[in-house]
Amino acid sequence: MIEADAGGFMITGDHIPFYRLLVMRQGLQLEIKGLRISRGRTCYALAKSEFGFKGNRDKVLAQLNDYISDQRDTLNGEVTP
């Protein structure tokens, strides 16, 4: 759940892993453009190892988008990014 309090937002419960997926997607989109968001493992490598996706960055991004759509459906439409 996303809660608003005192001018800020807090992500709680089942939405934390979903928010992580959204950040991973944004990071992968930046990597496709040639940027890196961390010194550690790339979002591309994380997505491939965690979810078993195969292919180049564009194909992994498409698979990640499909996975995010499925996860959004399981959250019963509570999330609208």
N, C-alpha and C. Protein backbone atom coordinates (compact mmCIF):
# COMPACT_ATOMS: atom_id res chain seq x y z
N MET A 1 0.84 -1.16 0.00
CA MET A 1 0.00 0.00 0.00
C MET A 1 0.89 1.23 0.00
N ILE A 2 0.47 2.27 -0.65
CA ILE A 2 1.19 3.53 -0.66
C ILE A 2 0.43 4.49 0.26
N GLU A 3 1.11 4.93 1.32
CA GLU A 3 0.49 5.80 2.31
C GLU A 3 1.12 7.18 2.24
N ALA A 4 0.30 8.22 2.39
CA ALA A 4 0.79 9.59 2.42
C ALA A 4 0.70 10.09 3.85
N ASP A 5 1.79 10.72 4.33
CA ASP A 5 1.80 11.22 5.69
C ASP A 5 2.81 12.36 5.80
N ALA A 6 2.37 13.49 6.30
CA ALA A 6 3.24 14.64 6.57
C ALA A 6 4.07 15.04 5.34
N GLY A 7 3.44 15.08 4.20
CA GLY A 7 4.12 15.53 3.00
C GLY A 7 5.00 14.50 2.31
N GLY A 8 4.99 13.25 2.77
CA GLY A 8 5.81 12.21 2.16
C GLY A 8 4.99 10.98 1.85
N PHE A 9 5.61 10.03 1.18
CA PHE A 9 4.94 8.79 0.81
C PHE A 9 5.73 7.62 1.37
N MET A 10 5.01 6.57 1.75
CA MET A 10 5.64 5.37 2.27
C MET A 10 5.03 4.17 1.56
N ILE A 11 5.88 3.31 1.03
CA ILE A 11 5.43 2.11 0.35
C ILE A 11 5.53 0.96 1.35
N THR A 12 4.42 0.24 1.54
CA THR A 12 4.39 -0.80 2.56
C THR A 12 3.81 -2.09 1.99
N GLY A 13 4.02 -3.16 2.72
CA GLY A 13 3.37 -4.43 2.42
C GLY A 13 3.79 -5.06 1.12
N ASP A 14 2.79 -5.56 0.38
CA ASP A 14 3.04 -6.28 -0.86
C ASP A 14 3.53 -5.38 -1.98
N HIS A 15 3.47 -4.09 -1.82
CA HIS A 15 3.86 -3.18 -2.89
C HIS A 15 5.36 -2.93 -2.95
N ILE A 16 6.09 -3.32 -1.92
CA ILE A 16 7.54 -3.11 -1.92
C ILE A 16 8.21 -3.90 -3.05
N PRO A 17 7.94 -5.20 -3.21
CA PRO A 17 8.55 -5.93 -4.34
C PRO A 17 8.10 -5.38 -5.70
N PHE A 18 6.85 -4.90 -5.77
CA PHE A 18 6.37 -4.35 -7.03
C PHE A 18 7.10 -3.06 -7.37
N TYR A 19 7.33 -2.21 -6.37
CA TYR A 19 8.07 -0.98 -6.60
C TYR A 19 9.50 -1.30 -7.04
N ARG A 20 10.10 -2.34 -6.48
CA ARG A 20 11.44 -2.77 -6.90
C ARG A 20 11.45 -3.15 -8.37
N LEU A 21 10.39 -3.81 -8.83
CA LEU A 21 10.30 -4.16 -10.26
C LEU A 21 10.25 -2.90 -11.12
N LEU A 22 9.52 -1.89 -10.67
CA LEU A 22 9.44 -0.64 -11.43
C LEU A 22 10.80 0.05 -11.51
N VAL A 23 11.54 0.02 -10.40
CA VAL A 23 12.88 0.62 -10.39
C VAL A 23 13.81 -0.17 -11.30
N MET A 24 13.68 -1.50 -11.28
CA MET A 24 14.50 -2.33 -12.15
C MET A 24 14.21 -2.02 -13.62
N ARG A 25 12.94 -1.82 -13.96
CA ARG A 25 12.58 -1.49 -15.34
C ARG A 25 13.18 -0.15 -15.74
N GLN A 26 13.10 0.85 -14.87
CA GLN A 26 13.67 2.15 -15.18
C GLN A 26 15.19 2.05 -15.36
N GLY A 27 15.84 1.26 -14.50
CA GLY A 27 17.28 1.07 -14.62
C GLY A 27 17.65 0.39 -15.93
N LEU A 28 16.87 -0.60 -16.33
CA LEU A 28 17.14 -1.29 -17.59
C LEU A 28 16.94 -0.35 -18.78
N GLN A 29 15.95 0.51 -18.70
CA GLN A 29 15.74 1.48 -19.77
C GLN A 29 16.93 2.44 -19.88
N LEU A 30 17.48 2.84 -18.74
CA LEU A 30 18.67 3.69 -18.76
C LEU A 30 19.88 2.95 -19.31
N GLU A 31 20.01 1.67 -18.96
CA GLU A 31 21.13 0.88 -19.47
C GLU A 31 21.05 0.72 -20.99
N ILE A 32 19.86 0.61 -21.52
CA ILE A 32 19.69 0.52 -22.97
C ILE A 32 20.18 1.80 -23.63
N LYS A 33 19.99 2.94 -22.95
CA LYS A 33 20.45 4.22 -23.48
C LYS A 33 21.94 4.47 -23.25
N GLY A 34 22.59 3.57 -22.47
CA GLY A 34 24.02 3.70 -22.26
C GLY A 34 24.43 4.18 -20.88
N LEU A 35 23.51 4.32 -19.95
CA LEU A 35 23.81 4.79 -18.60
C LEU A 35 23.75 3.63 -17.61
N ARG A 36 24.46 3.78 -16.48
CA ARG A 36 24.39 2.78 -15.41
C ARG A 36 23.94 3.48 -14.15
N ILE A 37 23.11 2.81 -13.36
CA ILE A 37 22.62 3.45 -12.14
C ILE A 37 23.37 2.99 -10.90
N SER A 38 24.25 2.00 -11.01
CA SER A 38 25.02 1.55 -9.86
C SER A 38 26.34 0.97 -10.31
N ARG A 39 27.23 0.77 -9.36
CA ARG A 39 28.51 0.14 -9.66
C ARG A 39 28.44 -1.37 -9.57
N GLY A 40 27.41 -1.86 -8.93
CA GLY A 40 27.25 -3.30 -8.76
C GLY A 40 26.71 -3.95 -10.02
N ARG A 41 25.92 -5.00 -9.83
CA ARG A 41 25.34 -5.72 -10.97
C ARG A 41 24.35 -4.83 -11.71
N THR A 42 24.29 -5.01 -13.00
CA THR A 42 23.37 -4.23 -13.81
C THR A 42 21.94 -4.74 -13.63
N CYS A 43 20.98 -3.90 -13.96
CA CYS A 43 19.57 -4.30 -13.91
C CYS A 43 19.32 -5.42 -14.92
N TYR A 44 20.03 -5.39 -16.01
CA TYR A 44 19.94 -6.43 -17.03
C TYR A 44 20.34 -7.79 -16.43
N ALA A 45 21.47 -7.81 -15.73
CA ALA A 45 21.95 -9.05 -15.12
C ALA A 45 21.01 -9.52 -14.01
N LEU A 46 20.49 -8.59 -13.23
CA LEU A 46 19.55 -8.94 -12.15
C LEU A 46 18.28 -9.55 -12.71
N ALA A 47 17.73 -8.95 -13.74
CA ALA A 47 16.48 -9.45 -14.33
C ALA A 47 16.69 -10.84 -14.92
N LYS A 48 17.81 -11.04 -15.58
CA LYS A 48 18.08 -12.35 -16.17
C LYS A 48 18.26 -13.42 -15.11
N SER A 49 18.98 -13.11 -14.04
CA SER A 49 19.25 -14.14 -13.03
C SER A 49 18.03 -14.39 -12.13
N GLU A 50 17.29 -13.35 -11.76
CA GLU A 50 16.17 -13.52 -10.85
C GLU A 50 14.95 -14.15 -11.51
N PHE A 51 14.70 -13.79 -12.75
CA PHE A 51 13.47 -14.24 -13.40
C PHE A 51 13.71 -15.23 -14.54
N GLY A 52 14.96 -15.47 -14.88
CA GLY A 52 15.28 -16.43 -15.92
C GLY A 52 14.99 -15.93 -17.33
N PHE A 53 14.97 -14.61 -17.50
CA PHE A 53 14.72 -14.05 -18.83
C PHE A 53 15.92 -14.33 -19.73
N LYS A 54 15.67 -14.42 -21.02
CA LYS A 54 16.72 -14.70 -21.99
C LYS A 54 16.67 -13.64 -23.09
N GLY A 55 17.83 -13.37 -23.68
CA GLY A 55 17.90 -12.46 -24.81
C GLY A 55 18.71 -11.22 -24.51
N ASN A 56 18.68 -10.29 -25.46
CA ASN A 56 19.41 -9.04 -25.30
C ASN A 56 18.61 -8.08 -24.40
N ARG A 57 19.14 -6.88 -24.20
CA ARG A 57 18.50 -5.94 -23.28
C ARG A 57 17.07 -5.59 -23.71
N ASP A 58 16.85 -5.40 -24.98
CA ASP A 58 15.50 -5.05 -25.45
C ASP A 58 14.51 -6.19 -25.20
N LYS A 59 14.93 -7.41 -25.44
CA LYS A 59 14.04 -8.56 -25.22
C LYS A 59 13.77 -8.76 -23.73
N VAL A 60 14.80 -8.56 -22.90
CA VAL A 60 14.61 -8.70 -21.46
C VAL A 60 13.68 -7.60 -20.95
N LEU A 61 13.79 -6.40 -21.50
CA LEU A 61 12.89 -5.31 -21.11
C LEU A 61 11.44 -5.66 -21.47
N ALA A 62 11.22 -6.23 -22.63
CA ALA A 62 9.86 -6.62 -23.02
C ALA A 62 9.32 -7.71 -22.08
N GLN A 63 10.17 -8.67 -21.73
CA GLN A 63 9.74 -9.72 -20.81
C GLN A 63 9.46 -9.15 -19.42
N LEU A 64 10.28 -8.19 -18.99
CA LEU A 64 10.07 -7.56 -17.69
C LEU A 64 8.77 -6.75 -17.69
N ASN A 65 8.47 -6.07 -18.78
CA ASN A 65 7.21 -5.32 -18.88
C ASN A 65 6.02 -6.27 -18.78
N ASP A 66 6.09 -7.42 -19.42
CA ASP A 66 5.02 -8.41 -19.32
C ASP A 66 4.87 -8.91 -17.90
N TYR A 67 6.00 -9.16 -17.24
CA TYR A 67 5.97 -9.64 -15.86
C TYR A 67 5.36 -8.59 -14.94
N ILE A 68 5.71 -7.32 -15.15
CA ILE A 68 5.15 -6.24 -14.35
C ILE A 68 3.65 -6.14 -14.56
N SER A 69 3.19 -6.30 -15.79
CA SER A 69 1.75 -6.28 -16.07
C SER A 69 1.03 -7.40 -15.33
N ASP A 70 1.63 -8.58 -15.31
CA ASP A 70 1.04 -9.70 -14.58
C ASP A 70 0.99 -9.42 -13.09
N GLN A 71 2.06 -8.85 -12.55
CA GLN A 71 2.10 -8.54 -11.12
C GLN A 71 1.09 -7.45 -10.76
N ARG A 72 0.92 -6.49 -11.65
CA ARG A 72 -0.06 -5.43 -11.42
C ARG A 72 -1.47 -6.02 -11.35
N ASP A 73 -1.75 -7.01 -12.19
CA ASP A 73 -3.05 -7.67 -12.17
C ASP A 73 -3.27 -8.42 -10.86
N THR A 74 -2.21 -9.01 -10.31
CA THR A 74 -2.36 -9.76 -9.05
C THR A 74 -2.57 -8.84 -7.86
N LEU A 75 -2.16 -7.58 -7.98
CA LEU A 75 -2.39 -6.63 -6.89
C LEU A 75 -3.79 -6.02 -6.94
N ASN A 76 -4.64 -6.57 -7.81
CA ASN A 76 -6.05 -6.16 -7.91
C ASN A 76 -6.24 -4.69 -8.29
N GLY A 77 -5.35 -4.18 -9.11
CA GLY A 77 -5.52 -2.81 -9.59
C GLY A 77 -5.28 -1.76 -8.56
N GLU A 78 -4.64 -2.09 -7.42
CA GLU A 78 -4.38 -1.11 -6.39
C GLU A 78 -3.26 -0.15 -6.78
N VAL A 79 -2.42 -0.54 -7.73
CA VAL A 79 -1.28 0.25 -8.13
C VAL A 79 -1.55 0.78 -9.53
N THR A 80 -1.24 2.08 -9.76
CA THR A 80 -1.51 2.68 -11.05
C THR A 80 -0.33 3.44 -11.63
N PRO A 81 0.92 2.92 -11.59
CA PRO A 81 2.01 3.65 -12.27
C PRO A 81 2.08 3.31 -13.74
